[in-house]
Amino acid sequence: MAALASLGYTNREISAKLFITVSTVEQHLTKVFRKLKVKSRTDLPVELEFELELAPPSMR
């Protein structure tokens, strides 16, 4: 999810790809931001993008 956010996907787009609610995306990203000590998706580490390549096709 954070990898998708770092690639520029909106919360709505992420929720559609993962078949979850927008609220769930928001909650998870809030936790990720807090854990990584960042304030926005543009501050997410670039290496998160590479995790997307390892994700199952349904999550790409």
N, C-alpha and C. Protein backbone atom coordinates (compact mmCIF):
# COMPACT_ATOMS: atom_id res chain seq x y z
N MET A 1 0.82 -1.18 0.00
CA MET A 1 0.00 0.00 0.00
C MET A 1 0.87 1.26 0.00
N ALA A 2 1.87 1.29 0.85
CA ALA A 2 2.75 2.46 0.89
C ALA A 2 3.52 2.59 -0.42
N ALA A 3 3.84 1.46 -1.03
CA ALA A 3 4.54 1.51 -2.32
C ALA A 3 3.66 2.16 -3.37
N LEU A 4 2.38 1.84 -3.38
CA LEU A 4 1.47 2.47 -4.32
C LEU A 4 1.36 3.96 -4.06
N ALA A 5 1.30 4.34 -2.80
CA ALA A 5 1.22 5.75 -2.43
C ALA A 5 2.48 6.49 -2.89
N SER A 6 3.64 5.85 -2.73
CA SER A 6 4.89 6.49 -3.13
C SER A 6 4.98 6.64 -4.64
N LEU A 7 4.24 5.82 -5.37
CA LEU A 7 4.22 5.92 -6.83
C LEU A 7 3.23 6.96 -7.33
N GLY A 8 2.48 7.56 -6.40
CA GLY A 8 1.55 8.62 -6.78
C GLY A 8 0.10 8.22 -6.90
N TYR A 9 -0.23 6.98 -6.57
CA TYR A 9 -1.63 6.57 -6.60
C TYR A 9 -2.40 7.30 -5.51
N THR A 10 -3.63 7.68 -5.80
CA THR A 10 -4.48 8.32 -4.79
C THR A 10 -5.03 7.26 -3.86
N ASN A 11 -5.55 7.69 -2.72
CA ASN A 11 -6.15 6.74 -1.78
C ASN A 11 -7.30 5.99 -2.45
N ARG A 12 -8.06 6.66 -3.26
CA ARG A 12 -9.17 6.02 -3.96
C ARG A 12 -8.68 4.96 -4.94
N GLU A 13 -7.61 5.26 -5.66
CA GLU A 13 -7.04 4.30 -6.60
C GLU A 13 -6.47 3.09 -5.87
N ILE A 14 -5.82 3.34 -4.75
CA ILE A 14 -5.25 2.25 -3.94
C ILE A 14 -6.37 1.36 -3.42
N SER A 15 -7.44 1.98 -2.93
CA SER A 15 -8.55 1.19 -2.40
C SER A 15 -9.18 0.32 -3.48
N ALA A 16 -9.29 0.84 -4.69
CA ALA A 16 -9.86 0.06 -5.79
C ALA A 16 -8.95 -1.10 -6.17
N LYS A 17 -7.64 -0.86 -6.21
CA LYS A 17 -6.69 -1.92 -6.56
C LYS A 17 -6.67 -3.04 -5.52
N LEU A 18 -6.81 -2.66 -4.25
CA LEU A 18 -6.68 -3.65 -3.17
C LEU A 18 -8.04 -4.15 -2.65
N PHE A 19 -9.12 -3.63 -3.22
CA PHE A 19 -10.47 -4.04 -2.83
C PHE A 19 -10.73 -3.79 -1.34
N ILE A 20 -10.33 -2.61 -0.88
CA ILE A 20 -10.59 -2.19 0.50
C ILE A 20 -11.17 -0.78 0.46
N THR A 21 -11.66 -0.31 1.59
CA THR A 21 -12.27 1.02 1.60
C THR A 21 -11.19 2.11 1.63
N VAL A 22 -11.59 3.30 1.20
CA VAL A 22 -10.69 4.45 1.25
C VAL A 22 -10.28 4.72 2.69
N SER A 23 -11.22 4.55 3.61
CA SER A 23 -10.93 4.76 5.02
C SER A 23 -9.83 3.82 5.51
N THR A 24 -9.86 2.58 5.07
CA THR A 24 -8.83 1.62 5.46
C THR A 24 -7.46 2.06 4.93
N VAL A 25 -7.44 2.53 3.70
CA VAL A 25 -6.19 3.03 3.12
C VAL A 25 -5.66 4.19 3.97
N GLU A 26 -6.54 5.13 4.29
CA GLU A 26 -6.13 6.28 5.09
C GLU A 26 -5.57 5.86 6.44
N GLN A 27 -6.23 4.93 7.09
CA GLN A 27 -5.78 4.45 8.40
C GLN A 27 -4.41 3.79 8.30
N HIS A 28 -4.22 2.95 7.30
CA HIS A 28 -2.94 2.26 7.15
C HIS A 28 -1.82 3.24 6.80
N LEU A 29 -2.10 4.17 5.90
CA LEU A 29 -1.07 5.13 5.53
C LEU A 29 -0.71 6.04 6.70
N THR A 30 -1.68 6.38 7.52
CA THR A 30 -1.39 7.18 8.72
C THR A 30 -0.41 6.45 9.61
N LYS A 31 -0.63 5.14 9.79
CA LYS A 31 0.29 4.34 10.61
C LYS A 31 1.68 4.24 9.97
N VAL A 32 1.71 4.08 8.65
CA VAL A 32 2.99 3.99 7.94
C VAL A 32 3.75 5.31 8.08
N PHE A 33 3.06 6.44 7.86
CA PHE A 33 3.70 7.75 7.98
C PHE A 33 4.27 7.93 9.38
N ARG A 34 3.50 7.55 10.38
CA ARG A 34 3.96 7.70 11.77
C ARG A 34 5.19 6.82 12.01
N LYS A 35 5.13 5.58 11.54
CA LYS A 35 6.23 4.65 11.77
C LYS A 35 7.51 5.11 11.07
N LEU A 36 7.37 5.62 9.84
CA LEU A 36 8.53 6.07 9.08
C LEU A 36 8.90 7.52 9.37
N LYS A 37 8.10 8.18 10.19
CA LYS A 37 8.34 9.58 10.57
C LYS A 37 8.36 10.50 9.35
N VAL A 38 7.35 10.34 8.49
CA VAL A 38 7.18 11.22 7.34
C VAL A 38 5.82 11.90 7.45
N LYS A 39 5.68 13.00 6.71
CA LYS A 39 4.44 13.76 6.81
C LYS A 39 3.52 13.61 5.61
N SER A 40 4.06 13.13 4.49
CA SER A 40 3.23 12.97 3.30
C SER A 40 3.78 11.87 2.42
N ARG A 41 2.99 11.48 1.44
CA ARG A 41 3.41 10.40 0.55
C ARG A 41 4.63 10.78 -0.28
N THR A 42 4.82 12.06 -0.52
CA THR A 42 6.01 12.48 -1.27
C THR A 42 7.28 12.29 -0.46
N ASP A 43 7.15 12.15 0.86
CA ASP A 43 8.30 11.92 1.73
C ASP A 43 8.61 10.44 1.92
N LEU A 44 7.77 9.57 1.37
CA LEU A 44 8.01 8.13 1.53
C LEU A 44 9.30 7.75 0.83
N PRO A 45 10.06 6.83 1.41
CA PRO A 45 11.33 6.42 0.79
C PRO A 45 11.13 5.82 -0.60
N VAL A 46 12.04 6.11 -1.48
CA VAL A 46 11.98 5.61 -2.86
C VAL A 46 12.02 4.09 -2.89
N GLU A 47 12.73 3.47 -1.95
CA GLU A 47 12.86 2.01 -1.99
C GLU A 47 11.53 1.29 -1.82
N LEU A 48 10.50 1.98 -1.36
CA LEU A 48 9.18 1.35 -1.27
C LEU A 48 8.66 0.98 -2.65
N GLU A 49 9.09 1.69 -3.66
CA GLU A 49 8.66 1.39 -5.02
C GLU A 49 9.08 -0.01 -5.44
N PHE A 50 10.21 -0.47 -4.99
CA PHE A 50 10.71 -1.76 -5.41
C PHE A 50 9.93 -2.91 -4.80
N GLU A 51 9.30 -2.68 -3.67
CA GLU A 51 8.47 -3.72 -3.06
C GLU A 51 7.29 -4.06 -3.96
N LEU A 52 6.84 -3.11 -4.73
CA LEU A 52 5.71 -3.33 -5.63
C LEU A 52 6.03 -4.42 -6.65
N GLU A 53 7.27 -4.49 -7.09
CA GLU A 53 7.67 -5.51 -8.05
C GLU A 53 7.55 -6.92 -7.47
N LEU A 54 7.67 -7.04 -6.16
CA LEU A 54 7.57 -8.33 -5.51
C LEU A 54 6.14 -8.70 -5.13
N ALA A 55 5.25 -7.73 -5.25
CA ALA A 55 3.85 -7.97 -4.89
C ALA A 55 3.19 -8.88 -5.91
N PRO A 56 2.17 -9.62 -5.47
CA PRO A 56 1.43 -10.46 -6.42
C PRO A 56 0.77 -9.60 -7.50
N PRO A 57 0.54 -10.15 -8.68
CA PRO A 57 -0.05 -9.38 -9.77
C PRO A 57 -1.35 -8.66 -9.40
N SER A 58 -2.13 -9.22 -8.50
CA SER A 58 -3.38 -8.58 -8.12
C SER A 58 -3.16 -7.26 -7.39
N MET A 59 -1.96 -7.03 -6.88
CA MET A 59 -1.67 -5.81 -6.14
C MET A 59 -0.91 -4.79 -6.98
N ARG A 60 -0.64 -5.09 -8.22
CA ARG A 60 0.11 -4.15 -9.08
C ARG A 60 -0.82 -3.23 -9.81
